[in-house]
Amino acid sequence: MTRTALTLALVLPLAACGSDDAPPPPPSASAPAETAPAGPEEITGQLIGGDDTLQSGELYDVHEVVMREGQWLRAELISPDFDPYVIVRSPTGTQTDVDDSQEGNLSLSKAIVRATESGAWQIAVTTFEPGESGNYTLSYEVLDERPADAHEGRQIDAPAESDDVSA
């Protein structure tokens, strides 16, 4: 499957995640104006059978971070077991899909996204191909300044109505 086809496979089916037990929409809580930069935070997890599954077959987990408009999210997903793929979703549903940060790197995916609105943002950890599973480490931080590596990573913005990775 090509990366373009995977992006479409992720973008289009997220609204139909799972069967009849689709996750609820994202919370609409706003971040307080005094929200301080967060992190760095590190989460270890596993994508395993029984996790939420995209319609195209990829497993996924969702983690939330609260940001205010203008802040930057820098997230890095590493897995020794699968080719990681990151999806970042705003409080109102605008989605950014992030492919591998370097061509040919099958163990790292990095997202650097500027918050266009305040509230609870979602970081979805998923795989590049259906059927992949295993351990991962998600590291993220919220910054007030644009990170020096903000140019890295291939990002594809998708309209809000195309998918749902709500927690």
Foldseek 3Di string as FASTA:
>chain_A
DDLVVLVLQQQAQQACKDDVCRPDAADLDFDDPPDDKDDQDKDKDKFDPPAIATPQAKHKDKDKDWDAAQKKKKKKKFDPFAQKKKWKAANLQKIKTWHCQDPPDRGMTIDIDGHHHGDMMMIMIIGSHHPTITMMMMTMMIGNDRDPVNVTIDMDIDDRPRHGPHD
